[in-house]
């Protein structure tokens, strides 16, 4: 299924979380505790996809994780949003 909005227009597709993905999480070692990252890893393993991450703990699982360097540390709108919160 194509992703909505700009992602779909760029050719990206949604990858729903399936029961197979949920069960695959149980097979992961406990290197990383974040449940969302763990489901992304399980999806990547189950679907034969690469998972690009800046998170060294997640990358410690090895393939399919690939550690990448962050290009920027904060999105451009972060400072404006921060001022609104203060």
Protein backbone atom coordinates (compact mmCIF):
# COMPACT_ATOMS: atom_id res chain seq x y z
CA UNK A 1 0.00 0.00 0.00
CA UNK A 2 1.49 3.40 -0.93
CA UNK A 3 2.28 5.69 1.98
CA UNK A 4 0.16 8.82 2.30
CA UNK A 5 1.28 12.32 1.37
CA UNK A 6 4.83 13.15 0.39
CA UNK A 7 6.19 9.75 1.36
CA UNK A 8 3.83 8.03 -1.07
CA UNK A 9 4.60 10.56 -3.77
CA UNK A 10 8.29 9.75 -3.33
CA UNK A 11 7.57 6.05 -3.92
CA UNK A 12 7.69 4.82 -0.32
CA UNK A 13 5.28 2.14 0.88
CA UNK A 14 3.86 1.46 4.33
CA UNK A 15 4.97 -1.71 6.08
CA UNK A 16 2.27 -2.78 8.53
CA UNK A 17 3.26 -4.56 11.73
CA UNK A 18 2.15 -8.18 11.45
CA UNK A 19 1.86 -11.03 13.92
CA UNK A 20 5.05 -12.48 12.40
CA UNK A 21 6.90 -9.26 13.24
CA UNK A 22 5.56 -9.27 16.80
CA UNK A 23 6.67 -12.87 17.33
CA UNK A 24 10.10 -12.11 15.86
CA UNK A 25 10.69 -9.55 18.65
CA UNK A 26 10.73 -12.41 21.16
CA UNK A 27 13.76 -13.94 19.43
CA UNK A 28 15.86 -10.76 19.80
CA UNK A 29 18.52 -10.59 22.47
CA UNK A 30 18.11 -7.81 25.03
CA UNK A 31 20.84 -5.50 23.66
CA UNK A 32 18.31 -2.72 23.17
CA UNK A 33 15.25 -2.02 25.32
CA UNK A 34 13.26 0.44 23.17
CA UNK A 35 10.16 -1.50 22.03
CA UNK A 36 9.63 0.60 18.90
CA UNK A 37 13.22 0.07 17.75
CA UNK A 38 12.89 -3.64 18.48
CA UNK A 39 9.78 -3.95 16.29
CA UNK A 40 11.56 -2.05 13.49
CA UNK A 41 14.45 -4.51 13.76
CA UNK A 42 12.10 -7.49 13.75
CA UNK A 43 10.37 -6.11 10.65
CA UNK A 44 13.69 -5.60 8.88
CA UNK A 45 14.81 -9.14 9.71
CA UNK A 46 11.48 -10.71 8.69
CA UNK A 47 11.20 -8.75 5.45
CA UNK A 48 14.86 -8.91 4.37
CA UNK A 49 15.28 -5.13 4.62
CA UNK A 50 18.10 -2.93 5.89
CA UNK A 51 17.48 -0.76 8.94
CA UNK A 52 19.50 2.47 8.88
CA UNK A 53 20.09 3.93 12.33
CA UNK A 54 22.19 6.49 14.20
CA UNK A 55 21.63 4.48 17.41
CA UNK A 56 24.80 2.56 18.31
CA UNK A 57 22.92 0.23 20.67
CA UNK A 58 20.50 -0.78 17.93
CA UNK A 59 23.33 -1.13 15.40
CA UNK A 60 25.04 -3.56 17.82
CA UNK A 61 22.59 -6.22 16.60
CA UNK A 62 24.51 -6.22 13.32
CA UNK A 63 22.81 -6.93 10.01
CA UNK A 64 20.22 -5.90 9.01
CA UNK A 65 21.13 -2.77 11.06
CA UNK A 66 23.51 -0.32 9.45
CA UNK A 67 24.96 2.51 11.52
CA UNK A 68 24.85 5.82 9.69
CA UNK A 69 26.15 9.23 10.67
CA UNK A 70 23.55 11.84 11.54
CA UNK A 71 23.64 14.76 9.10
CA UNK A 72 22.17 17.21 11.58
CA UNK A 73 21.54 17.01 15.26
CA UNK A 74 18.33 19.07 15.41
CA UNK A 75 15.69 19.77 12.81
CA UNK A 76 15.65 23.39 11.59
CA UNK A 77 12.31 24.09 13.29
CA UNK A 78 13.54 22.88 16.70
CA UNK A 79 14.59 26.30 18.00
CA UNK A 80 11.25 27.90 17.10
CA UNK A 81 9.36 25.03 18.75
CA UNK A 82 11.58 25.27 21.82
CA UNK A 83 10.74 28.97 22.19
CA UNK A 84 7.02 28.15 22.10
CA UNK A 85 7.43 25.60 24.91
CA UNK A 86 9.35 27.95 27.21
